[in-house]
PDB file of N, CA and C in Angstrom:
ATOM      1  N   MET A   1     130.281  83.703  98.025  1.00  0.00           N
ATOM      2  CA  MET A   1     129.002  84.375  97.987  1.00  0.00           C
ATOM      3  C   MET A   1     128.460  84.317  96.561  1.00  0.00           C
ATOM      4  N   LEU A   2     127.175  84.143  96.487  1.00  0.00           N
ATOM      5  CA  LEU A   2     126.463  84.206  95.213  1.00  0.00           C
ATOM      6  C   LEU A   2     125.439  85.318  95.304  1.00  0.00           C
ATOM      7  N   VAL A   3     125.416  86.196  94.297  1.00  0.00           N
ATOM      8  CA  VAL A   3     124.388  87.230  94.208  1.00  0.00           C
ATOM      9  C   VAL A   3     123.610  86.995  92.919  1.00  0.00           C
ATOM     10  N   ASN A   4     122.336  86.658  93.048  1.00  0.00           N
ATOM     11  CA  ASN A   4     121.448  86.513  91.894  1.00  0.00           C
ATOM     12  C   ASN A   4     120.737  87.839  91.697  1.00  0.00           C
ATOM     13  N   ASN A   5     121.164  88.593  90.684  1.00  0.00           N
ATOM     14  CA  ASN A   5     120.636  89.938  90.467  1.00  0.00           C
ATOM     15  C   ASN A   5     120.183  90.128  89.017  1.00  0.00           C
ATOM     16  N   ALA A   6     119.674  89.094  88.422  1.00  0.00           N
ATOM     17  CA  ALA A   6     119.165  89.210  87.049  1.00  0.00           C
ATOM     18  C   ALA A   6     117.694  89.597  87.090  1.00  0.00           C
ATOM     19  N   GLY A   7     117.260  90.275  86.066  1.00  0.00           N
ATOM     20  CA  GLY A   7     115.840  90.597  85.999  1.00  0.00           C
ATOM     21  C   GLY A   7     115.455  91.103  84.629  1.00  0.00           C
ATOM     22  N   VAL A   8     114.313  90.666  84.201  1.00  0.00           N
ATOM     23  CA  VAL A   8     113.745  91.145  82.954  1.00  0.00           C
ATOM     24  C   VAL A   8     112.250  91.307  83.185  1.00  0.00           C
ATOM     25  N   TYR A   9     111.672  92.310  82.563  1.00  0.00           N
ATOM     26  CA  TYR A   9     110.255  92.606  82.740  1.00  0.00           C
ATOM     27  C   TYR A   9     109.584  92.652  81.379  1.00  0.00           C
ATOM     28  N   LYS A  10     108.528  91.904  81.239  1.00  0.00           N
ATOM     29  CA  LYS A  10     107.683  91.949  80.041  1.00  0.00           C
ATOM     30  C   LYS A  10     106.253  92.076  80.552  1.00  0.00           C
ATOM     31  N   SER A  11     105.575  93.113  80.139  1.00  0.00           N
ATOM     32  CA  SER A  11     104.223  93.386  80.616  1.00  0.00           C
ATOM     33  C   SER A  11     103.183  92.877  79.635  1.00  0.00           C
ATOM     34  N   ALA A  12     102.212  92.167  80.169  1.00  0.00           N
ATOM     35  CA  ALA A  12     101.050  91.740  79.390  1.00  0.00           C
ATOM     36  C   ALA A  12     100.002  91.218  80.355  1.00  0.00           C
ATOM     37  N   PRO A  13      98.738  91.502  80.112  1.00  0.00           N
ATOM     38  CA  PRO A  13      97.696  90.876  80.916  1.00  0.00           C
ATOM     39  C   PRO A  13      97.782  89.355  80.740  1.00  0.00           C
ATOM     40  N   VAL A  14      97.483  88.624  81.769  1.00  0.00           N
ATOM     41  CA  VAL A  14      97.559  87.160  81.706  1.00  0.00           C
ATOM     42  C   VAL A  14      96.755  86.624  80.526  1.00  0.00           C
ATOM     43  N   ALA A  15      95.569  87.176  80.287  1.00  0.00           N
ATOM     44  CA  ALA A  15      94.708  86.695  79.204  1.00  0.00           C
ATOM     45  C   ALA A  15      95.334  86.879  77.824  1.00  0.00           C
ATOM     46  N   GLU A  16      96.319  87.775  77.731  1.00  0.00           N
ATOM     47  CA  GLU A  16      96.946  88.050  76.439  1.00  0.00           C
ATOM     48  C   GLU A  16      98.408  87.613  76.361  1.00  0.00           C
ATOM     49  N   MET A  17      98.949  87.071  77.437  1.00  0.00           N
ATOM     50  CA  MET A  17     100.363  86.734  77.486  1.00  0.00           C
ATOM     51  C   MET A  17     100.654  85.455  76.704  1.00  0.00           C
ATOM     52  N   SER A  18     101.667  85.515  75.869  1.00  0.00           N
ATOM     53  CA  SER A  18     102.065  84.317  75.126  1.00  0.00           C
ATOM     54  C   SER A  18     102.872  83.394  76.026  1.00  0.00           C
ATOM     55  N   ASN A  19     102.873  82.124  75.686  1.00  0.00           N
ATOM     56  CA  ASN A  19     103.725  81.165  76.402  1.00  0.00           C
ATOM     57  C   ASN A  19     105.181  81.585  76.305  1.00  0.00           C
ATOM     58  N   GLU A  20     105.582  82.092  75.150  1.00  0.00           N
ATOM     59  CA  GLU A  20     106.976  82.495  74.944  1.00  0.00           C
ATOM     60  C   GLU A  20     107.377  83.608  75.899  1.00  0.00           C
ATOM     61  N   THR A  21     106.516  84.606  76.059  1.00  0.00           N
ATOM     62  CA  THR A  21     106.813  85.707  76.974  1.00  0.00           C
ATOM     63  C   THR A  21     106.897  85.204  78.398  1.00  0.00           C
ATOM     64  N   PHE A  22     105.926  84.400  78.797  1.00  0.00           N
ATOM     65  CA  PHE A  22     105.912  83.876  80.159  1.00  0.00           C
ATOM     66  C   PHE A  22     107.178  83.068  80.442  1.00  0.00           C
ATOM     67  N   LEU A  23     107.533  82.173  79.544  1.00  0.00           N
ATOM     68  CA  LEU A  23     108.708  81.327  79.758  1.00  0.00           C
ATOM     69  C   LEU A  23     110.002  82.131  79.735  1.00  0.00           C
ATOM     70  N   TYR A  24     110.082  83.146  78.891  1.00  0.00           N
ATOM     71  CA  TYR A  24     111.263  84.006  78.840  1.00  0.00           C
ATOM     72  C   TYR A  24     111.497  84.667  80.202  1.00  0.00           C
ATOM     73  N   VAL A  25     110.440  85.255  80.751  1.00  0.00           N
ATOM     74  CA  VAL A  25     110.548  85.930  82.044  1.00  0.00           C
ATOM     75  C   VAL A  25     110.853  84.929  83.151  1.00  0.00           C
ATOM     76  N   MET A  26     110.177  83.806  83.152  1.00  0.00           N
ATOM     77  CA  MET A  26     110.416  82.787  84.191  1.00  0.00           C
ATOM     78  C   MET A  26     111.843  82.235  84.107  1.00  0.00           C
ATOM     79  N   ASN A  27     112.324  81.990  82.895  1.00  0.00           N
ATOM     80  CA  ASN A  27     113.663  81.424  82.751  1.00  0.00           C
ATOM     81  C   ASN A  27     114.737  82.359  83.284  1.00  0.00           C
ATOM     82  N   LEU A  28     114.642  83.636  82.986  1.00  0.00           N
ATOM     83  CA  LEU A  28     115.662  84.567  83.443  1.00  0.00           C
ATOM     84  C   LEU A  28     115.505  84.920  84.919  1.00  0.00           C
ATOM     85  N   ASN A  29     114.288  85.139  85.362  1.00  0.00           N
ATOM     86  CA  ASN A  29     114.059  85.631  86.724  1.00  0.00           C
ATOM     87  C   ASN A  29     113.970  84.538  87.783  1.00  0.00           C
ATOM     88  N   LEU A  30     113.711  83.291  87.393  1.00  0.00           N
ATOM     89  CA  LEU A  30     113.562  82.224  88.392  1.00  0.00           C
ATOM     90  C   LEU A  30     114.415  81.002  88.083  1.00  0.00           C
ATOM     91  N   THR A  31     114.365  80.501  86.867  1.00  0.00           N
ATOM     92  CA  THR A  31     115.126  79.293  86.556  1.00  0.00           C
ATOM     93  C   THR A  31     116.635  79.540  86.659  1.00  0.00           C
ATOM     94  N   ALA A  32     117.116  80.631  86.086  1.00  0.00           N
ATOM     95  CA  ALA A  32     118.560  80.913  86.148  1.00  0.00           C
ATOM     96  C   ALA A  32     119.056  81.032  87.591  1.00  0.00           C
ATOM     97  N   PRO A  33     118.369  81.772  88.483  1.00  0.00           N
ATOM     98  CA  PRO A  33     118.834  81.810  89.872  1.00  0.00           C
ATOM     99  C   PRO A  33     118.800  80.437  90.559  1.00  0.00           C
ATOM    100  N   MET A  34     117.816  79.602  90.220  1.00  0.00           N
ATOM    101  CA  MET A  34     117.773  78.268  90.812  1.00  0.00           C
ATOM    102  C   MET A  34     118.981  77.453  90.366  1.00  0.00           C
ATOM    103  N   VAL A  35     119.289  77.486  89.071  1.00  0.00           N
ATOM    104  CA  VAL A  35     120.426  76.714  88.548  1.00  0.00           C
ATOM    105  C   VAL A  35     121.736  77.231  89.155  1.00  0.00           C
ATOM    106  N   LEU A  36     121.913  78.546  89.182  1.00  0.00           N
ATOM    107  CA  LEU A  36     123.130  79.107  89.765  1.00  0.00           C
ATOM    108  C   LEU A  36     123.249  78.768  91.249  1.00  0.00           C
ATOM    109  N   SER A  37     122.135  78.813  91.955  1.00  0.00           N
ATOM    110  CA  SER A  37     122.142  78.459  93.381  1.00  0.00           C
ATOM    111  C   SER A  37     122.534  77.002  93.569  1.00  0.00           C
ATOM    112  N   ARG A  38     121.922  76.141  92.807  1.00  0.00           N
ATOM    113  CA  ARG A  38     122.232  74.701  92.903  1.00  0.00           C
ATOM    114  C   ARG A  38     123.718  74.449  92.649  1.00  0.00           C
ATOM    115  N   GLU A  39     124.252  75.106  91.632  1.00  0.00           N
ATOM    116  CA  GLU A  39     125.662  74.890  91.293  1.00  0.00           C
ATOM    117  C   GLU A  39     126.603  75.497  92.335  1.00  0.00           C
ATOM    118  N   ALA A  40     126.174  76.537  93.028  1.00  0.00           N
ATOM    119  CA  ALA A  40     127.016  77.191  94.036  1.00  0.00           C
ATOM    120  C   ALA A  40     126.993  76.478  95.384  1.00  0.00           C
ATOM    121  N   ILE A  41     125.964  75.711  95.657  1.00  0.00           N
ATOM    122  CA  ILE A  41     125.806  75.102  96.979  1.00  0.00           C
ATOM    123  C   ILE A  41     127.026  74.289  97.424  1.00  0.00           C
ATOM    124  N   PRO A  42     127.606  73.424  96.598  1.00  0.00           N
ATOM    125  CA  PRO A  42     128.774  72.673  97.100  1.00  0.00           C
ATOM    126  C   PRO A  42     129.911  73.581  97.585  1.00  0.00           C
ATOM    127  N   HIS A  43     130.194  74.653  96.844  1.00  0.00           N
ATOM    128  CA  HIS A  43     131.236  75.588  97.260  1.00  0.00           C
ATOM    129  C   HIS A  43     130.818  76.338  98.529  1.00  0.00           C
ATOM    130  N   LEU A  44     129.559  76.778  98.571  1.00  0.00           N
ATOM    131  CA  LEU A  44     129.091  77.536  99.734  1.00  0.00           C
ATOM    132  C   LEU A  44     129.057  76.674 100.989  1.00  0.00           C
ATOM    133  N   ARG A  45     128.818  75.391 100.842  1.00  0.00           N
ATOM    134  CA  ARG A  45     128.884  74.498 102.004  1.00  0.00           C
ATOM    135  C   ARG A  45     130.307  74.459 102.566  1.00  0.00           C
ATOM    136  N   LYS A  46     131.299  74.402 101.686  1.00  0.00           N
ATOM    137  CA  LYS A  46     132.697  74.346 102.123  1.00  0.00           C
ATOM    138  C   LYS A  46     133.114  75.638 102.815  1.00  0.00           C
ATOM    139  N   THR A  47     132.592  76.759 102.339  1.00  0.00           N
ATOM    140  CA  THR A  47     133.020  78.068 102.852  1.00  0.00           C
ATOM    141  C   THR A  47     132.036  78.675 103.855  1.00  0.00           C
ATOM    142  N   LYS A  48     130.942  77.964 104.129  1.00  0.00           N
ATOM    143  CA  LYS A  48     129.868  78.511 104.988  1.00  0.00           C
ATOM    144  C   LYS A  48     129.410  79.853 104.422  1.00  0.00           C
ATOM    145  N   GLY A  49     129.159  79.855 103.127  1.00  0.00           N
ATOM    146  CA  GLY A  49     128.876  81.079 102.397  1.00  0.00           C
ATOM    147  C   GLY A  49     127.424  81.513 102.420  1.00  0.00           C
ATOM    148  N   ASN A  50     127.168  82.528 101.633  1.00  0.00           N
ATOM    149  CA  ASN A  50     125.874  83.190 101.635  1.00  0.00           C
ATOM    150  C   ASN A  50     125.394  83.421 100.200  1.00  0.00           C
ATOM    151  N   MET A  51     124.090  83.336 100.015  1.00  0.00           N
ATOM    152  CA  MET A  51     123.441  83.700  98.760  1.00  0.00           C
ATOM    153  C   MET A  51     122.580  84.927  99.017  1.00  0.00           C
ATOM    154  N   ILE A  52     122.590  85.834  98.070  1.00  0.00           N
ATOM    155  CA  ILE A  52     121.692  86.978  98.115  1.00  0.00           C
ATOM    156  C   ILE A  52     120.918  86.973  96.803  1.00  0.00           C
ATOM    157  N   HIS A  53     119.613  86.941  96.908  1.00  0.00           N
ATOM    158  CA  HIS A  53     118.742  86.940  95.740  1.00  0.00           C
ATOM    159  C   HIS A  53     118.020  88.282  95.691  1.00  0.00           C
ATOM    160  N   ILE A  54     118.061  88.943  94.544  1.00  0.00           N
ATOM    161  CA  ILE A  54     117.371  90.226  94.391  1.00  0.00           C
ATOM    162  C   ILE A  54     116.011  89.943  93.751  1.00  0.00           C
ATOM    163  N   SER A  55     114.968  90.159  94.540  1.00  0.00           N
ATOM    164  CA  SER A  55     113.603  89.959  94.052  1.00  0.00           C
ATOM    165  C   SER A  55     113.009  91.333  93.762  1.00  0.00           C
ATOM    166  N   SER A  56     111.796  91.552  94.190  1.00  0.00           N
ATOM    167  CA  SER A  56     111.103  92.809  93.911  1.00  0.00           C
ATOM    168  C   SER A  56     109.845  92.874  94.757  1.00  0.00           C
ATOM    169  N   VAL A  57     109.381  94.078  95.036  1.00  0.00           N
ATOM    170  CA  VAL A  57     108.072  94.189  95.677  1.00  0.00           C
ATOM    171  C   VAL A  57     106.998  93.597  94.767  1.00  0.00           C
ATOM    172  N   GLY A  58     107.306  93.514  93.452  1.00  0.00           N
ATOM    173  CA  GLY A  58     106.382  92.867  92.523  1.00  0.00           C
ATOM    174  C   GLY A  58     106.155  91.397  92.833  1.00  0.00           C
ATOM    175  N   GLY A  59     107.006  90.809  93.664  1.00  0.00           N
ATOM    176  CA  GLY A  59     106.836  89.423  94.083  1.00  0.00           C
ATOM    177  C   GLY A  59     105.863  89.252  95.230  1.00  0.00           C
ATOM    178  N   VAL A  60     105.475  90.347  95.852  1.00  0.00           N
ATOM    179  CA  VAL A  60     104.532  90.264  96.972  1.00  0.00           C
ATOM    180  C   VAL A  60     103.302  91.146  96.779  1.00  0.00           C
ATOM    181  N   MET A  61     103.305  91.976  95.715  1.00  0.00           N
ATOM    182  CA  MET A  61     102.166  92.848  95.437  1.00  0.00           C
ATOM    183  C   MET A  61     101.673  92.593  94.016  1.00  0.00           C
ATOM    184  N   ALA A  62     100.384  92.461  93.872  1.00  0.00           N
ATOM    185  CA  ALA A  62      99.812  92.236  92.543  1.00  0.00           C
ATOM    186  C   ALA A  62      99.656  93.561  91.808  1.00  0.00           C
ATOM    187  N   GLY A  63      99.776  93.491  90.495  1.00  0.00           N
ATOM    188  CA  GLY A  63      99.565  94.669  89.666  1.00  0.00           C
ATOM    189  C   GLY A  63      99.288  94.255  88.239  1.00  0.00           C
ATOM    190  N   ARG A  64      98.622  95.125  87.505  1.00  0.00           N
ATOM    191  CA  ARG A  64      98.343  94.837  86.093  1.00  0.00           C
ATOM    192  C   ARG A  64      99.637  94.569  85.335  1.00  0.00           C
ATOM    193  N   GLY A  65      99.615  93.549  84.517  1.00  0.00           N
ATOM    194  CA  GLY A  65     100.749  93.233  83.676  1.00  0.00           C
ATOM    195  C   GLY A  65     101.884  92.503  84.362  1.00  0.00           C
ATOM    196  N   LEU A  66     101.725  92.176  85.657  1.00  0.00           N
ATOM    197  CA  LEU A  66     102.794  91.511  86.409  1.00  0.00           C
ATOM    198  C   LEU A  66     102.655  89.991  86.448  1.00  0.00           C
ATOM    199  N   GLY A  67     101.848  89.424  85.567  1.00  0.00           N
ATOM    200  CA  GLY A  67     101.612  87.978  85.610  1.00  0.00           C
ATOM    201  C   GLY A  67     102.872  87.144  85.576  1.00  0.00           C
ATOM    202  N   ALA A  68     103.775  87.453  84.683  1.00  0.00           N
ATOM    203  CA  ALA A  68     105.027  86.691  84.583  1.00  0.00           C
ATOM    204  C   ALA A  68     106.064  87.208  85.580  1.00  0.00           C
ATOM    205  N   TYR A  69     106.303  88.505  85.585  1.00  0.00           N
ATOM    206  CA  TYR A  69     107.339  89.088  86.435  1.00  0.00           C
ATOM    207  C   TYR A  69     107.033  88.851  87.920  1.00  0.00           C
ATOM    208  N   GLY A  70     105.822  89.164  88.339  1.00  0.00           N
ATOM    209  CA  GLY A  70     105.453  88.988  89.734  1.00  0.00           C
ATOM    210  C   GLY A  70     105.497  87.535  90.164  1.00  0.00           C
ATOM    211  N   THR A  71     105.049  86.654  89.282  1.00  0.00           N
ATOM    212  CA  THR A  71     105.084  85.225  89.589  1.00  0.00           C
ATOM    213  C   THR A  71     106.520  84.742  89.749  1.00  0.00           C
ATOM    214  N   ALA A  72     107.406  85.173  88.851  1.00  0.00           N
ATOM    215  CA  ALA A  72     108.810  84.761  88.927  1.00  0.00           C
ATOM    216  C   ALA A  72     109.476  85.289  90.190  1.00  0.00           C
ATOM    217  N   LYS A  73     109.225  86.556  90.519  1.00  0.00           N
ATOM    218  CA  LYS A  73     109.861  87.147  91.704  1.00  0.00           C
ATOM    219  C   LYS A  73     109.287  86.551  92.989  1.00  0.00           C
ATOM    220  N   ALA A  74     108.006  86.208  93.000  1.00  0.00           N
ATOM    221  CA  ALA A  74     107.433  85.503  94.152  1.00  0.00           C
ATOM    222  C   ALA A  74     108.075  84.124  94.289  1.00  0.00           C
ATOM    223  N   GLY A  75     108.289  83.462  93.172  1.00  0.00           N
ATOM    224  CA  GLY A  75     108.959  82.170  93.185  1.00  0.00           C
ATOM    225  C   GLY A  75     110.378  82.280  93.703  1.00  0.00           C
ATOM    226  N   LEU A  76     111.075  83.359  93.358  1.00  0.00           N
ATOM    227  CA  LEU A  76     112.436  83.572  93.840  1.00  0.00           C
ATOM    228  C   LEU A  76     112.457  83.765  95.357  1.00  0.00           C
ATOM    229  N   ILE A  77     111.465  84.467  95.872  1.00  0.00           N
ATOM    230  CA  ILE A  77     111.355  84.638  97.328  1.00  0.00           C
ATOM    231  C   ILE A  77     111.197  83.275  97.991  1.00  0.00           C
ATOM    232  N   GLN A  78     110.308  82.457  97.465  1.00  0.00           N
ATOM    233  CA  GLN A  78     110.092  81.131  98.041  1.00  0.00           C
ATOM    234  C   GLN A  78     111.325  80.250  97.878  1.00  0.00           C
ATOM    235  N   LEU A  79     111.993  80.323  96.729  1.00  0.00           N
ATOM    236  CA  LEU A  79     113.218  79.553  96.510  1.00  0.00           C
ATOM    237  C   LEU A  79     114.256  79.895  97.566  1.00  0.00           C
ATOM    238  N   SER A  80     114.428  81.181  97.848  1.00  0.00           N
ATOM    239  CA  SER A  80     115.388  81.601  98.873  1.00  0.00           C
ATOM    240  C   SER A  80     115.014  81.037 100.239  1.00  0.00           C
ATOM    241  N   ARG A  81     113.740  81.042 100.566  1.00  0.00           N
ATOM    242  CA  ARG A  81     113.287  80.483 101.849  1.00  0.00           C
ATOM    243  C   ARG A  81     113.582  78.983 101.930  1.00  0.00           C
ATOM    244  N   VAL A  82     113.293  78.278 100.859  1.00  0.00           N
ATOM    245  CA  VAL A  82     113.531  76.835 100.837  1.00  0.00           C
ATOM    246  C   VAL A  82     115.027  76.533 100.987  1.00  0.00           C
ATOM    247  N   ILE A  83     115.857  77.268 100.247  1.00  0.00           N
ATOM    248  CA  ILE A  83     117.301  77.072 100.363  1.00  0.00           C
ATOM    249  C   ILE A  83     117.760  77.344 101.793  1.00  0.00           C
ATOM    250  N   SER A  84     117.208  78.372 102.422  1.00  0.00           N
ATOM    251  CA  SER A  84     117.563  78.686 103.810  1.00  0.00           C
ATOM    252  C   SER A  84     117.309  77.497 104.723  1.00  0.00           C
ATOM    253  N   VAL A  85     116.153  76.888 104.574  1.00  0.00           N
ATOM    254  CA  VAL A  85     115.789  75.748 105.415  1.00  0.00           C
ATOM    255  C   VAL A  85     116.673  74.535 105.106  1.00  0.00           C
ATOM    256  N   GLU A  86     116.862  74.268 103.820  1.00  0.00           N
ATOM    257  CA  GLU A  86     117.629  73.079 103.429  1.00  0.00           C
ATOM    258  C   GLU A  86     119.120  73.202 103.739  1.00  0.00           C
ATOM    259  N   GLU A  87     119.670  74.390 103.616  1.00  0.00           N
ATOM    260  CA  GLU A  87     121.122  74.557 103.728  1.00  0.00           C
ATOM    261  C   GLU A  87     121.593  75.059 105.091  1.00  0.00           C
ATOM    262  N   ALA A  88     120.680  75.463 105.958  1.00  0.00           N
ATOM    263  CA  ALA A  88     121.082  75.924 107.288  1.00  0.00           C
ATOM    264  C   ALA A  88     121.940  74.899 108.032  1.00  0.00           C
ATOM    265  N   PRO A  89     121.612  73.609 107.962  1.00  0.00           N
ATOM    266  CA  PRO A  89     122.463  72.636 108.669  1.00  0.00           C
ATOM    267  C   PRO A  89     123.909  72.598 108.167  1.00  0.00           C
ATOM    268  N   PHE A  90     124.147  73.114 106.977  1.00  0.00           N
ATOM    269  CA  PHE A  90     125.486  73.124 106.390  1.00  0.00           C
ATOM    270  C   PHE A  90     126.168  74.494 106.535  1.00  0.00           C
ATOM    271  N   GLY A  91     125.500  75.427 107.207  1.00  0.00           N
ATOM    272  CA  GLY A  91     126.072  76.744 107.426  1.00  0.00           C
ATOM    273  C   GLY A  91     125.911  77.711 106.264  1.00  0.00           C
ATOM    274  N   VAL A  92     125.060  77.376 105.319  1.00  0.00           N
ATOM    275  CA  VAL A  92     124.828  78.238 104.163  1.00  0.00           C
ATOM    276  C   VAL A  92     123.595  79.100 104.428  1.00  0.00           C
ATOM    277  N   ARG A  93     123.721  80.388 104.177  1.00  0.00           N
ATOM    278  CA  ARG A  93     122.608  81.322 104.350  1.00  0.00           C
ATOM    279  C   ARG A  93     122.075  81.728 102.988  1.00  0.00           C
ATOM    280  N   SER A  94     120.781  81.981 102.942  1.00  0.00           N
ATOM    281  CA  SER A  94     120.141  82.460 101.720  1.00  0.00           C
ATOM    282  C   SER A  94     119.229  83.606 102.112  1.00  0.00           C
ATOM    283  N   ASN A  95     119.485  84.771 101.533  1.00  0.00           N
ATOM    284  CA  ASN A  95     118.738  85.977 101.873  1.00  0.00           C
ATOM    285  C   ASN A  95     118.113  86.570 100.624  1.00  0.00           C
ATOM    286  N   ILE A  96     117.013  87.281 100.843  1.00  0.00           N
ATOM    287  CA  ILE A  96     116.298  87.901  99.735  1.00  0.00           C
ATOM    288  C   ILE A  96     116.201  89.400  99.990  1.00  0.00           C
ATOM    289  N   ILE A  97     116.400  90.174  98.964  1.00  0.00           N
ATOM    290  CA  ILE A  97     116.194  91.620  99.017  1.00  0.00           C
ATOM    291  C   ILE A  97     115.107  91.936  97.987  1.00  0.00           C
ATOM    292  N   SER A  98     114.073  92.626  98.415  1.00  0.00           N
ATOM    293  CA  SER A  98     112.956  92.959  97.526  1.00  0.00           C
ATOM    294  C   SER A  98     112.778  94.474  97.468  1.00  0.00           C
ATOM    295  N   PRO A  99     113.566  95.133  96.622  1.00  0.00           N
ATOM    296  CA  PRO A  99     113.463  96.593  96.556  1.00  0.00           C
ATOM    297  C   PRO A  99     112.192  97.048  95.851  1.00  0.00           C
ATOM    298  N   GLY A 100     111.851  98.275  96.101  1.00  0.00           N
ATOM    299  CA  GLY A 100     110.762  98.914  95.374  1.00  0.00           C
ATOM    300  C   GLY A 100     111.284  99.432  94.046  1.00  0.00           C
ATOM    301  N   ALA A 101     110.613 100.403  93.509  1.00  0.00           N
ATOM    302  CA  ALA A 101     110.971 100.942  92.198  1.00  0.00           C
ATOM    303  C   ALA A 101     112.328 101.636  92.238  1.00  0.00           C
ATOM    304  N   ILE A 102     113.170 101.277  91.287  1.00  0.00           N
ATOM    305  CA  ILE A 102     114.488 101.886  91.129  1.00  0.00           C
ATOM    306  C   ILE A 102     114.573 102.373  89.685  1.00  0.00           C
ATOM    307  N   ALA A 103     115.044 103.577  89.491  1.00  0.00           N
ATOM    308  CA  ALA A 103     115.091 104.178  88.147  1.00  0.00           C
ATOM    309  C   ALA A 103     116.100 103.440  87.270  1.00  0.00           C
ATOM    310  N   THR A 104     115.606 102.486  86.508  1.00  0.00           N
ATOM    311  CA  THR A 104     116.423 101.729  85.560  1.00  0.00           C
ATOM    312  C   THR A 104     115.721 101.747  84.207  1.00  0.00           C
ATOM    313  N   ASP A 105     116.421 101.285  83.181  1.00  0.00           N
ATOM    314  CA  ASP A 105     115.786 101.184  81.865  1.00  0.00           C
ATOM    315  C   ASP A 105     114.578 100.257  81.913  1.00  0.00           C
ATOM    316  N   MET A 106     114.675  99.164  82.720  1.00  0.00           N
ATOM    317  CA  MET A 106     113.558  98.237  82.825  1.00  0.00           C
ATOM    318  C   MET A 106     112.329  98.938  83.408  1.00  0.00           C
ATOM    319  N   LEU A 107     112.530  99.742  84.451  1.00  0.00           N
ATOM    320  CA  LEU A 107     111.404 100.461  85.056  1.00  0.00           C
ATOM    321  C   LEU A 107     110.846 101.505  84.100  1.00  0.00           C
ATOM    322  N   LYS A 108     111.712 102.147  83.345  1.00  0.00           N
ATOM    323  CA  LYS A 108     111.241 103.121  82.361  1.00  0.00           C
ATOM    324  C   LYS A 108     110.269 102.449  81.391  1.00  0.00           C
ATOM    325  N   GLY A 109     110.599 101.223  80.966  1.00  0.00           N
ATOM    326  CA  GLY A 109     109.701 100.468  80.086  1.00  0.00           C
ATOM    327  C   GLY A 109     108.381 100.163  80.763  1.00  0.00           C
ATOM    328  N   LEU A 110     108.419  99.847  82.053  1.00  0.00           N
ATOM    329  CA  LEU A 110     107.194  99.568  82.799  1.00  0.00           C
ATOM    330  C   LEU A 110     106.336 100.814  82.878  1.00  0.00           C
ATOM    331  N   VAL A 111     106.930 101.961  83.174  1.00  0.00           N
ATOM    332  CA  VAL A 111     106.176 103.209  83.268  1.00  0.00           C
ATOM    333  C   VAL A 111     105.526 103.508  81.922  1.00  0.00           C
ATOM    334  N   GLU A 112     106.254 103.298  80.843  1.00  0.00           N
ATOM    335  CA  GLU A 112     105.700 103.534  79.518  1.00  0.00           C
ATOM    336  C   GLU A 112     104.565 102.551  79.228  1.00  0.00           C
ATOM    337  N   ASP A 113     104.729 101.280  79.630  1.00  0.00           N
ATOM    338  CA  ASP A 113     103.682 100.280  79.437  1.00  0.00           C
ATOM    339  C   ASP A 113     102.391 100.652  80.154  1.00  0.00           C
ATOM    340  N   LEU A 114     102.540 101.305  81.302  1.00  0.00           N
ATOM    341  CA  LEU A 114     101.374 101.646  82.119  1.00  0.00           C
ATOM    342  C   LEU A 114     100.823 103.018  81.771  1.00  0.00           C
ATOM    343  N   GLY A 115     101.283 103.612  80.710  1.00  0.00           N
ATOM    344  CA  GLY A 115     100.712 104.876  80.260  1.00  0.00           C
ATOM    345  C   GLY A 115     101.532 106.096  80.596  1.00  0.00           C
ATOM    346  N   GLY A 116     102.729 105.898  81.160  1.00  0.00           N
ATOM    347  CA  GLY A 116     103.622 107.031  81.404  1.00  0.00           C
ATOM    348  C   GLY A 116     103.153 107.980  82.476  1.00  0.00           C
ATOM    349  N   GLY A 117     102.315 107.542  83.421  1.00  0.00           N
ATOM    350  CA  GLY A 117     101.789 108.421  84.442  1.00  0.00           C
ATOM    351  C   GLY A 117     102.824 108.910  85.435  1.00  0.00           C
ATOM    352  N   ALA A 118     103.905 108.160  85.611  1.00  0.00           N
ATOM    353  CA  ALA A 118     104.933 108.556  86.564  1.00  0.00           C
ATOM    354  C   ALA A 118     106.087 109.190  85.810  1.00  0.00           C
ATOM    355  N   LYS A 119     106.740 110.133  86.479  1.00  0.00           N
ATOM    356  CA  LYS A 119     107.891 110.782  85.866  1.00  0.00           C
ATOM    357  C   LYS A 119     109.160 110.189  86.467  1.00  0.00           C
ATOM    358  N   MET A 120     110.082 109.802  85.595  1.00  0.00           N
ATOM    359  CA  MET A 120     111.341 109.254  86.064  1.00  0.00           C
ATOM    360  C   MET A 120     112.417 110.311  85.935  1.00  0.00           C
ATOM    361  N   THR A 121     113.213 110.456  86.996  1.00  0.00           N
ATOM    362  CA  THR A 121     114.337 111.405  86.948  1.00  0.00           C
ATOM    363  C   THR A 121     115.623 110.690  87.222  1.00  0.00           C
TER     364      THR A 121
END
């Protein structure tokens, strides 16, 4: 089994986002899971294994400052779907979990970025 559960969030409006910020978020949230998935496929084919990718509701809902994060998580959802189609003949499953807000340090940063309107407990 492979579980892709990495995530990083950097908030910026698209008009103000640097290439460096965008690539940083994309590399950790989308490129790394793709590389790990690709490398795991030969083993998962032998074991008829499963991949679980942790995305986010940010991958299906638009919001201010989600240009990089939302795009990466949407890409992860699509990557999981593609792997499902490609690897089903070999007995490999690929599933996606897209949780809502979970009280983590990353979310605390998002709440602060958006003006601190929500209270985290």
